[in-house]
Structures are given as C-alpha cells and as structure tokens.
Protein backbone atom coordinates (compact mmCIF):
# COMPACT_ATOMS: atom_id res chain seq x y z
CA UNK A 1 2.90 -16.89 25.00
CA UNK A 2 1.50 -15.15 28.08
CA UNK A 3 3.20 -11.89 27.22
CA UNK A 4 1.89 -12.08 23.65
CA UNK A 5 -1.63 -12.57 24.98
CA UNK A 6 -1.27 -9.61 27.30
CA UNK A 7 0.17 -7.28 24.64
CA UNK A 8 -1.88 -8.29 21.60
CA UNK A 9 -5.05 -9.69 23.25
CA UNK A 10 -5.14 -12.75 20.99
CA UNK A 11 -8.08 -14.52 22.67
CA UNK A 12 -10.09 -11.32 22.86
CA UNK A 13 -9.60 -10.92 19.10
CA UNK A 14 -10.48 -14.57 18.48
CA UNK A 15 -7.09 -15.46 17.05
CA UNK A 16 -3.94 -17.38 17.98
CA UNK A 17 -0.19 -17.25 17.58
CA UNK A 18 -0.38 -19.80 14.74
CA UNK A 19 -2.93 -17.73 12.79
CA UNK A 20 -1.00 -14.50 13.34
CA UNK A 21 2.27 -16.14 12.35
CA UNK A 22 0.98 -17.48 9.04
CA UNK A 23 -0.83 -14.20 8.43
CA UNK A 24 2.43 -12.27 8.85
CA UNK A 25 4.30 -14.82 6.74
CA UNK A 26 1.75 -14.52 3.93
CA UNK A 27 1.92 -10.72 4.00
CA UNK A 28 5.71 -10.97 3.89
CA UNK A 29 5.71 -13.16 0.78
CA UNK A 30 3.20 -10.84 -0.90
CA UNK A 31 5.37 -7.80 -0.10
CA UNK A 32 8.71 -9.45 -0.88
CA UNK A 33 8.91 -7.61 -4.21
CA UNK A 34 9.79 -4.50 -2.17
CA UNK A 35 13.28 -5.92 -1.64
CA UNK A 36 14.06 -5.17 -5.29
CA UNK A 37 11.45 -2.72 -6.62
CA UNK A 38 11.68 0.02 -3.99
CA UNK A 39 15.53 0.15 -4.05
CA UNK A 40 15.50 0.15 -7.88
CA UNK A 41 13.23 3.21 -7.91
CA UNK A 42 15.39 4.95 -5.32
CA UNK A 43 18.50 4.10 -7.36
CA UNK A 44 16.97 5.96 -10.31
CA UNK A 45 16.75 8.99 -8.01
CA UNK A 46 20.45 8.78 -7.15
CA UNK A 47 20.39 6.56 -4.05
CA UNK A 48 22.69 3.56 -3.64
CA UNK A 49 20.85 0.35 -4.61
CA UNK A 50 22.46 -2.03 -2.11
CA UNK A 51 22.13 0.47 0.72
CA UNK A 52 18.45 1.01 -0.14
CA UNK A 53 17.75 -2.72 0.21
CA UNK A 54 18.93 -2.57 3.83
CA UNK A 55 17.01 0.66 4.45
CA UNK A 56 13.78 -0.79 3.01
CA UNK A 57 13.93 -3.87 5.24
CA UNK A 58 14.72 -1.84 8.36
CA UNK A 59 11.96 0.67 7.67
CA UNK A 60 9.42 -2.14 7.22
CA UNK A 61 10.55 -3.70 10.51
CA UNK A 62 10.59 -0.48 12.57
CA UNK A 63 7.37 0.96 11.18
CA UNK A 64 5.46 -2.35 11.28
CA UNK A 65 6.42 -2.65 14.96
CA UNK A 66 5.20 0.91 15.52
CA UNK A 67 1.88 0.05 13.90
CA UNK A 68 1.63 -3.14 15.96
CA UNK A 69 2.38 -1.65 19.37
CA UNK A 70 0.45 1.59 18.87
CA UNK A 71 -2.70 0.30 17.13
CA UNK A 72 -2.54 -3.52 17.53
CA UNK A 73 -3.63 -3.88 13.91
CA UNK A 74 -2.32 -6.51 11.42
CA UNK A 75 -1.11 -3.71 9.15
CA UNK A 76 2.48 -4.09 8.02
CA UNK A 77 3.98 -0.68 7.22
CA UNK A 78 6.25 -0.04 4.25
CA UNK A 79 7.32 2.64 1.75
CA UNK A 80 4.55 3.17 -0.81
CA UNK A 81 5.69 2.12 -4.28
CA UNK A 82 3.45 4.71 -5.95
CA UNK A 83 4.95 7.51 -3.85
CA UNK A 84 8.48 6.22 -4.47
CA UNK A 85 7.87 6.09 -8.22
CA UNK A 86 6.39 9.62 -8.16
CA UNK A 87 9.38 10.95 -6.24
CA UNK A 88 11.93 9.22 -8.45
CA UNK A 89 10.40 9.54 -11.90
CA UNK A 90 8.50 12.82 -11.61
CA UNK A 91 10.04 15.01 -8.89
CA UNK A 92 13.67 13.99 -9.44
CA UNK A 93 13.62 12.74 -13.03
CA UNK A 94 11.17 15.08 -14.80
CA UNK A 95 11.25 18.19 -12.59
CA UNK A 96 14.95 17.98 -11.75
CA UNK A 97 14.76 18.36 -7.97
CA UNK A 98 17.34 16.49 -5.84
CA UNK A 99 16.08 13.55 -3.80
CA UNK A 100 16.97 15.54 -0.66
CA UNK A 101 14.12 17.94 -1.49
CA UNK A 102 11.71 14.99 -1.51
CA UNK A 103 12.97 13.69 1.82
CA UNK A 104 12.81 17.17 3.39
CA UNK A 105 9.22 17.61 2.17
CA UNK A 106 8.28 14.21 3.56
CA UNK A 107 9.91 14.87 6.92
CA UNK A 108 7.93 18.11 7.33
CA UNK A 109 4.79 16.34 6.05
CA UNK A 110 5.15 13.64 8.69
CA UNK A 111 5.39 16.23 11.47
CA UNK A 112 2.29 18.07 10.20
CA UNK A 113 0.34 14.81 9.87
CA UNK A 114 1.30 13.83 13.42
CA UNK A 115 0.07 17.19 14.76
CA UNK A 116 -3.16 16.84 12.74
CA UNK A 117 -3.65 13.35 14.15
CA UNK A 118 -2.96 14.23 17.79
CA UNK A 119 -5.41 17.16 17.53
CA UNK A 120 -8.04 14.86 15.94
CA UNK A 121 -8.09 16.90 12.71
CA UNK A 122 -7.36 13.89 10.48
CA UNK A 123 -10.03 11.77 12.17
CA UNK A 124 -12.50 14.66 11.86
CA UNK A 125 -11.79 14.95 8.14
CA UNK A 126 -12.05 11.21 7.44
CA UNK A 127 -15.36 10.96 9.30
CA UNK A 128 -16.80 13.66 7.05
CA UNK A 129 -15.76 12.00 3.83
CA UNK A 130 -19.01 10.59 2.37
CA UNK A 131 -19.45 6.83 2.68
CA UNK A 132 -19.80 6.63 -1.09
CA UNK A 133 -16.27 7.97 -1.61
CA UNK A 134 -14.85 5.62 1.05
CA UNK A 135 -16.49 2.68 -0.73
CA UNK A 136 -15.07 3.96 -4.03
CA UNK A 137 -11.57 3.98 -2.52
CA UNK A 138 -12.02 0.40 -1.38
CA UNK A 139 -13.37 -0.89 -4.71
CA UNK A 140 -10.73 1.12 -6.60
CA UNK A 141 -8.00 -0.51 -4.52
CA UNK A 142 -9.47 -3.91 -5.30
CA UNK A 143 -9.54 -3.33 -9.06
CA UNK A 144 -6.09 -1.74 -8.89
CA UNK A 145 -4.84 -4.92 -7.22
CA UNK A 146 -6.43 -6.97 -9.99
CA UNK A 147 -4.76 -4.85 -12.68
CA UNK A 148 -1.33 -4.98 -11.04
CA UNK A 149 -1.56 -8.71 -10.43
CA UNK A 150 -2.60 -9.43 -14.02
CA UNK A 151 0.36 -7.38 -15.23
CA UNK A 152 2.72 -9.27 -12.93
CA UNK A 153 1.32 -12.62 -14.02
CA UNK A 154 1.79 -11.54 -17.63
CA UNK A 155 -1.73 -11.69 -19.00
CA UNK A 156 -2.15 -7.94 -19.54
CA UNK A 157 1.24 -7.44 -21.17
CA UNK A 158 0.60 -10.51 -23.33
CA UNK A 159 -2.10 -8.75 -25.34
CA UNK A 160 -0.53 -6.73 -28.15
CA UNK A 161 -2.15 -4.13 -30.40
CA UNK A 162 -3.25 -6.79 -32.87
CA UNK A 163 -4.50 -9.05 -30.05
CA UNK A 164 -1.69 -11.52 -30.68
CA UNK A 165 -0.21 -13.37 -27.73
CA UNK A 166 3.52 -13.43 -27.06
CA UNK A 167 4.28 -17.09 -26.51
CA UNK A 168 7.37 -16.59 -24.38
CA UNK A 169 5.18 -15.57 -21.41
CA UNK A 170 2.55 -18.29 -21.71
CA UNK A 171 4.21 -20.34 -18.96
CA UNK A 172 4.01 -17.43 -16.55
CA UNK A 173 0.32 -17.00 -17.36
CA UNK A 174 -0.47 -20.66 -16.85
CA UNK A 175 1.43 -20.89 -13.57
CA UNK A 176 -0.10 -17.61 -12.33
CA UNK A 177 -3.65 -18.75 -12.93
CA UNK A 178 -2.84 -22.20 -11.58
CA UNK A 179 -1.66 -20.49 -8.38
CA UNK A 180 -4.90 -18.49 -8.20
CA UNK A 181 -7.05 -21.60 -8.77
CA UNK A 182 -5.18 -23.52 -6.06
CA UNK A 183 -5.64 -20.53 -3.75
CA UNK A 184 -9.41 -20.40 -4.27
CA UNK A 185 -9.79 -24.18 -3.94
CA UNK A 186 -7.77 -24.35 -0.70
CA UNK A 187 -9.66 -21.34 0.72
CA UNK A 188 -13.00 -23.01 -0.09
CA UNK A 189 -11.80 -26.08 1.81
CA UNK A 190 -11.11 -23.90 4.84
CA UNK A 191 -7.31 -23.98 4.66
CA UNK A 192 -6.04 -20.98 6.63
CA UNK A 193 -2.68 -21.15 4.87
CA UNK A 194 -4.21 -21.21 1.36
CA UNK A 195 -2.43 -18.09 0.08
CA UNK A 196 0.96 -19.06 1.50
CA UNK A 197 0.76 -22.65 0.27
CA UNK A 198 -0.21 -21.50 -3.21
CA UNK A 199 2.83 -19.20 -3.40
CA UNK A 200 5.18 -21.99 -2.29
CA UNK A 201 3.64 -24.62 -4.59
CA UNK A 202 3.81 -22.30 -7.60
CA UNK A 203 7.44 -21.38 -6.89
CA UNK A 204 8.31 -25.09 -6.69
CA UNK A 205 6.57 -25.66 -10.05
CA UNK A 206 8.68 -22.82 -11.48
CA UNK A 207 11.86 -24.49 -10.23
CA UNK A 208 10.84 -27.91 -11.61
CA UNK A 209 10.02 -26.42 -15.02
CA UNK A 210 13.34 -24.57 -15.12
CA UNK A 211 11.81 -21.10 -15.07
CA UNK A 212 13.10 -20.29 -11.58
CA UNK A 213 16.79 -20.76 -10.88
CA UNK A 214 17.95 -21.90 -7.45
CA UNK A 215 20.48 -19.31 -6.24
CA UNK A 216 24.15 -20.19 -5.92
CA UNK A 217 24.12 -19.02 -2.32
CA UNK A 218 21.31 -18.92 0.21
CA UNK A 219 22.60 -16.20 2.55
CA UNK A 220 24.41 -12.88 2.15
CA UNK A 221 25.47 -10.06 4.46
CA UNK A 222 23.31 -6.90 4.45
CA UNK A 223 24.82 -3.89 2.69
CA UNK A 224 26.04 -0.85 4.60
CA UNK A 225 23.25 1.76 4.67
CA UNK A 226 25.15 4.81 5.93
CA UNK A 227 25.08 6.52 2.54
CA UNK A 228 21.26 6.63 2.71
CA UNK A 229 20.87 8.09 6.19
CA UNK A 230 19.86 11.68 7.05
CA UNK A 231 19.47 12.99 3.50
CA UNK A 232 17.52 16.02 4.73
CA UNK A 233 18.37 19.47 3.40
CA UNK A 234 16.48 22.32 5.08
CA UNK A 235 18.17 24.90 2.86
CA UNK A 236 15.89 23.68 0.05
CA UNK A 237 12.98 25.31 1.89
CA UNK A 238 14.40 28.66 0.90
CA UNK A 239 13.89 28.03 -2.82
CA UNK A 240 10.61 29.31 -4.27
CA UNK A 241 10.10 26.04 -6.19
CA UNK A 242 10.04 24.10 -2.92
CA UNK A 243 6.46 25.03 -2.05
CA UNK A 244 4.96 23.37 -5.14
CA UNK A 245 6.88 20.13 -4.50
CA UNK A 246 5.93 20.21 -0.83
CA UNK A 247 2.21 20.74 -1.55
CA UNK A 248 2.17 17.82 -4.02
CA UNK A 249 3.98 15.48 -1.65
CA UNK A 250 1.88 16.57 1.35
CA UNK A 251 -1.42 15.99 -0.48
CA UNK A 252 -0.34 12.64 -1.91
CA UNK A 253 1.07 11.42 1.41
CA UNK A 254 -2.08 12.48 3.30
CA UNK A 255 -4.44 10.94 0.74
CA UNK A 256 -2.50 7.70 0.19
CA UNK A 257 -2.04 6.96 3.90
CA UNK A 258 -5.70 7.71 4.68
CA UNK A 259 -6.89 5.75 1.63
CA UNK A 260 -4.85 2.70 2.66
CA UNK A 261 -6.21 2.78 6.21
CA UNK A 262 -9.79 3.07 4.96
CA UNK A 263 -9.29 0.15 2.57
CA UNK A 264 -7.75 -2.00 5.31
CA UNK A 265 -10.51 -1.03 7.75
CA UNK A 266 -13.10 -2.28 5.26
CA UNK A 267 -11.18 -5.51 4.83
CA UNK A 268 -10.81 -6.34 8.54
CA UNK A 269 -14.31 -5.05 9.40
CA UNK A 270 -13.08 -2.45 11.89
CA UNK A 271 -14.75 0.39 9.97
CA UNK A 272 -18.10 -0.82 11.34
CA UNK A 273 -16.99 -1.05 14.97
CA UNK A 274 -17.75 1.52 17.68
CA UNK A 275 -14.03 1.74 18.40
CA UNK A 276 -13.24 2.74 14.80
CA UNK A 277 -12.34 6.38 15.58
CA UNK A 278 -10.02 5.44 18.43
CA UNK A 279 -8.41 2.65 16.38
CA UNK A 280 -8.05 4.91 13.36
CA UNK A 281 -6.33 7.61 15.42
CA UNK A 282 -3.81 5.08 16.74
CA UNK A 283 -3.10 3.81 13.23
CA UNK A 284 -2.67 7.37 11.96
CA UNK A 285 -0.25 8.18 14.80
CA UNK A 286 1.80 5.17 13.69
CA UNK A 287 1.78 6.12 10.00
CA UNK A 288 2.60 9.78 10.83
CA UNK A 289 5.65 8.76 12.87
CA UNK A 290 6.58 6.33 10.08
CA UNK A 291 6.46 9.17 7.56
CA UNK A 292 8.88 11.11 9.80
CA UNK A 293 11.26 8.15 10.20
CA UNK A 294 11.30 7.01 6.55
CA UNK A 295 12.97 10.10 4.97
CA UNK A 296 15.52 10.24 7.79
CA UNK A 297 16.56 6.71 6.85
CA UNK A 298 16.49 7.36 3.12
CA UNK A 299 13.17 6.25 1.69
CA UNK A 300 9.73 7.68 0.89
CA UNK A 301 6.22 7.91 2.40
CA UNK A 302 5.65 4.95 4.71
CA UNK A 303 2.35 3.78 6.13
CA UNK A 304 -0.05 0.87 6.48
CA UNK A 305 0.58 -1.26 3.40
CA UNK A 306 -2.47 -2.45 1.49
CA UNK A 307 -0.74 -5.77 0.72
CA UNK A 308 -1.46 -6.57 4.38
CA UNK A 309 -4.91 -7.56 3.13
CA UNK A 310 -3.47 -10.94 2.10
CA UNK A 311 -2.58 -11.61 5.73
CA UNK A 312 -5.94 -10.29 6.92
CA UNK A 313 -7.64 -12.65 4.45
CA UNK A 314 -5.76 -15.46 6.16
CA UNK A 315 -7.22 -14.47 9.53
CA UNK A 316 -4.69 -11.99 10.95
CA UNK A 317 -6.33 -9.65 13.45
CA UNK A 318 -3.64 -8.18 15.69
CA UNK A 319 -0.33 -6.35 15.59
CA UNK A 320 1.49 -9.65 16.11
CA UNK A 321 0.93 -10.36 12.42
CA UNK A 322 2.59 -7.04 11.48
CA UNK A 323 5.55 -7.76 13.76
CA UNK A 324 6.03 -11.18 12.16
CA UNK A 325 6.15 -9.49 8.75
CA UNK A 326 8.67 -6.94 10.04
CA UNK A 327 10.91 -9.60 11.58
CA UNK A 328 10.83 -11.61 8.34
CA UNK A 329 11.95 -8.53 6.41
CA UNK A 330 14.92 -8.26 8.77
CA UNK A 331 15.74 -11.94 8.30
CA UNK A 332 15.18 -11.43 4.59
CA UNK A 333 18.26 -9.21 4.52
CA UNK A 334 20.31 -12.32 5.20
CA UNK A 335 18.29 -14.57 2.89
CA UNK A 336 17.83 -12.05 0.08
CA UNK A 337 19.25 -14.43 -2.61
CA UNK A 338 16.56 -16.98 -1.72
CA UNK A 339 13.65 -14.56 -1.37
CA UNK A 340 14.21 -12.74 -4.65
CA UNK A 341 13.76 -15.96 -6.65
CA UNK A 342 10.02 -15.98 -5.81
CA UNK A 343 8.52 -15.15 -9.22
CA UNK A 344 5.86 -12.49 -9.76
CA UNK A 345 3.41 -15.12 -10.99
CA UNK A 346 3.64 -16.79 -7.55
CA UNK A 347 2.90 -13.77 -5.35
CA UNK A 348 0.71 -11.75 -7.78
CA UNK A 349 -2.26 -14.17 -7.52
CA UNK A 350 -2.49 -13.27 -3.81
CA UNK A 351 -3.15 -9.65 -4.81
CA UNK A 352 -5.58 -10.86 -7.47
CA UNK A 353 -7.51 -12.86 -4.87
CA UNK A 354 -7.66 -10.00 -2.35
CA UNK A 355 -8.61 -7.56 -5.12
CA UNK A 356 -11.58 -9.72 -6.04
CA UNK A 357 -12.68 -9.83 -2.39
CA UNK A 358 -12.53 -6.03 -2.15
CA UNK A 359 -14.69 -5.46 -5.21
CA UNK A 360 -17.68 -6.93 -3.35
CA UNK A 361 -18.06 -3.44 -1.83
CA UNK A 362 -19.31 -2.33 -5.26
CA UNK A 363 -22.74 -3.52 -4.10
CA UNK A 364 -22.83 -0.68 -1.56
CA UNK A 365 -23.03 1.96 -4.32
CA UNK A 366 -26.55 3.25 -5.00
CA UNK A 367 -27.11 2.70 -8.73
CA UNK A 368 -30.58 4.25 -8.54
CA UNK A 369 -29.09 7.74 -8.14
CA UNK A 370 -26.78 9.02 -10.87
CA UNK A 371 -25.36 11.66 -8.52
CA UNK A 372 -24.11 8.76 -6.39
CA UNK A 373 -22.82 6.25 -8.89
CA UNK A 374 -21.36 8.74 -11.41
CA UNK A 375 -18.66 10.14 -9.05
CA UNK A 376 -18.10 6.70 -7.56
CA UNK A 377 -17.51 4.92 -10.87
CA UNK A 378 -15.33 7.73 -12.23
CA UNK A 379 -13.25 7.81 -9.04
CA UNK A 380 -12.72 4.06 -9.27
CA UNK A 381 -11.89 4.29 -12.97
CA UNK A 382 -9.33 7.05 -12.49
CA UNK A 383 -7.62 5.13 -9.69
CA UNK A 384 -7.11 2.27 -12.13
CA UNK A 385 -6.63 3.80 -15.57
CA UNK A 386 -4.25 6.58 -14.45
CA UNK A 387 -2.24 3.92 -12.61
CA UNK A 388 -2.24 6.39 -9.71
CA UNK A 389 -4.33 5.68 -6.60
CA UNK A 390 -3.74 9.15 -5.14
CA UNK A 391 -4.83 10.88 -8.37
CA UNK A 392 -8.07 8.87 -8.40
CA UNK A 393 -8.83 9.60 -4.76
CA UNK A 394 -8.21 13.33 -5.26
CA UNK A 395 -10.62 13.18 -8.24
CA UNK A 396 -13.29 11.75 -5.96
CA UNK A 397 -12.92 14.73 -3.62
CA UNK A 398 -13.34 17.04 -6.61
CA UNK A 399 -16.29 15.23 -8.21
CA UNK A 400 -18.58 14.48 -5.26
CA UNK A 401 -19.45 17.96 -3.90
CA UNK A 402 -19.66 19.67 -7.29
CA UNK A 403 -22.00 16.98 -8.67
CA UNK A 404 -24.15 17.15 -5.53
CA UNK A 405 -24.32 20.93 -5.84
CA UNK A 406 -25.38 20.83 -9.50
CA UNK A 407 -27.94 18.11 -8.72
CA UNK A 408 -29.46 20.38 -6.05
CA UNK A 409 -28.32 18.11 -3.21
CA UNK A 410 -26.07 20.60 -1.45
CA UNK A 411 -27.50 19.41 1.88
CA UNK A 412 -25.61 16.14 1.37
CA UNK A 413 -22.27 17.96 1.44
CA UNK A 414 -20.38 19.51 4.34
CA UNK A 415 -17.61 22.12 4.83
CA UNK A 416 -14.89 19.45 4.96
CA UNK A 417 -15.92 18.12 1.56
CA UNK A 418 -15.69 21.62 0.10
CA UNK A 419 -12.31 22.08 1.73
CA UNK A 420 -11.15 18.86 0.06
CA UNK A 421 -12.64 20.17 -3.20
CA UNK A 422 -10.39 23.24 -2.94
CA UNK A 423 -7.40 21.03 -2.14
CA UNK A 424 -8.22 18.94 -5.23
CA UNK A 425 -8.37 22.06 -7.43
CA UNK A 426 -4.95 23.20 -6.13
CA UNK A 427 -3.59 19.71 -6.74
CA UNK A 428 -4.82 19.62 -10.34
CA UNK A 429 -3.35 23.07 -11.04
CA UNK A 430 0.17 22.29 -9.79
CA UNK A 431 0.36 18.58 -10.67
CA UNK A 432 3.18 17.97 -13.22
CA UNK A 433 1.19 16.09 -15.87
C-alpha cells in the first residue's frame, strides 16, 4: 500500500484503496459494453471480430495506465464509440475508404496532437474557449447520457409512431428504472458502492426472471489479435481524397478528446483548481499518445472515456481507479462469457444517473442574455438530436463568435474563437452528410 500512496497520493487526494477499487470496478461495469459494441463496429469495417475484442481490452488497459501514471486522474481511456461508428459506417461504409486509411489518419492525428500538447497549443486553445461553450459541452454530455441510457433501457424505443408501447420490452423498462431507483436510494443513504450494487442486483433480478441466461462456461481464452496489428498504410497519403478524410478525423478526434476532458474536469471539480492547466496538459499528453497507439493496434480514436464519470461519482479521485478499470478489462478477456451477460438495463441506469448530475451545470448559463443562451441551448440540442457529440461541439464553435459579432459584442470574442469558427466552416463544407 505504501507504493500506491507514493505513486497516486491517496491521502493527499482524500481517498483510499477501497474507494479507488470500487470506483474502477464501477467504471468497468459501465464500460463493459465495449467488449461487444466496439468490435462489432470494427467488424463492419472489415476487421476480425474476435481479434478486435482482444485489441479493445488491451487498448483500454494500456491507455488507462498511461492516463493514470501521466496525469493521476481517474479517467479510464478507451476507443470512442462515436468515432468508431463514424469510421466504420461513414468513412468505410458510405465513402468507400479502406479501414487502413482511417488508421493512418488517426496515427498522424495522434502525432500532431502530441506536438500541439507539448508546445502548449492545445491548452492555449482550450483556455480561450468561452466558459459558456464549455458548460454547454458538459450539459450536452449529460443529456446525451440520458438519451443513450433511456434507449438502452428500452423506454425510448418503446414509443412507436402512434404512441403505442411494445409489450415485449416492458420487463427491461421496469428493471431499468428499478435499478435507477435503487441507485438513487443507496446514494442518498451514503453508500459509496451504490452504482455497482445496483448493477449487480438488477442483473440478479434478470437471471431470476429468466431474462438473463447464465453462460455455459465462465472462462474462455482470448482470441489471437495479430490480424488487427499495424494496419497503417502510408501510401494512402498520396491519394487526393486522403486530405478530406484526414481533416474530418483530425477535427473530430481533437474535439471529442478535448470535450471529454472538459466534461470530466467539471465532474471531478478539477476545472476550478489552480493546477487545472498543468493537469489538463498531462491528460492531453496521455490521450495524444493513446491516439497514436490505438490505430497501431487496430482500433480508433482513444482518450479519456466519459463513462469514467460513474466511477468519479463513486468517489474515485486518482489514477489508481483508471488502472483498476484497465486491469479488469484484461481479466475480462478471460471472463468474457460472464461479463457479456450483464444486460443493458443494468448498466444503462448508471449513465442515466451521471447524466442527471451533469445537467446541473445548466444553471451556469445566463438566461438573461439571448446571445448567451441561444448558442448554448442550440449546441446542447445538436449534440443530442444529431446523435453526434462532435457535430454539436463544432456547431458551438460556429455559433458563439458569429452571434456575438451580430449582437455587437465582438469584444467578448478572441482570435482563437474565430480560428475555431473557420475550422467549423471547413468541417461543415467537407462533412459527408
């Protein structure tokens, strides 16, 4: 325990091994859907499904450890589902580019982001993003969590065009909301393990009611991942179409990683600390290196994962929490048959709960000034209703300076905001709608 104290400064951060362990465990259960969803999306892009399961777990472990040792933050790192879906469905599926082009673009993006971070360019840019837009990102993430969790529970998909309810999903709805209610009640009673206990209790209910099947085997050997490694093709740079794909991926990777870090910083309170800039730089070094490693191993943009908020809500404050999550993903490779039985209605309420907590930042928006709340509300709305966090964030960069200019408040803008405005315009022009 002495070495853990020395490395992660547990007492200084007013935490303990027990708190960090359960925090990491909770984050792991919340993120466990990655075992199946991320590999499925990569399979649609031509990658081997079984190999991608192994790659996903290893990337989470390696990059979470990077985040832990470099920044000492409870931020588990993982491939972004939104980025993976964009790469698979849009770049490979709709535009017809090979997955190697995506990985090559990401590899170069990671190197550029690392250089920008080491030279303090990324920190400089983030510090000049208006507070209003940062708050919008945070609230948008919260409402996005609520939407995704309600879909996973089944309540959103239950409502048909004639407002009828499909009865075959009623059980999932009931168990999902029961899980959420248990979570809130246990949290109110001061139970640090409220989220984790709720997930376990709900899964047990699912087993008792016959909705969740106990697997025939508990353990299995990890699949060989060699077919996924080093899928980088620098010859693709020579094609004229490469630049448009690269620009899209670079903008999305930059925005999504920064947006996630801002959202997590609001959740753990570090955004208000004097050490914020130094901590942010360390976290961005970790996510830049992760974005270099991920495509080399055969997956997409990797950075601080917003699902880590469930562990932070439990009290996680140091990198030890992220390492626990990473180790559990490694162990999960062996216990995959057991982990994948956890139903969506058991882990989705954790996202619902955290989403509700994040929306409290809505109070920080000035509703006495239309030039403030108009871009904020629209940014939040686009993050949710386009089902694309990056698209919504980019919209915020477009809306804020132009509205301020037209409202004769140009003094409230700065050169960085106008640079981001230009980036947003380029993004909207080349985005494959």
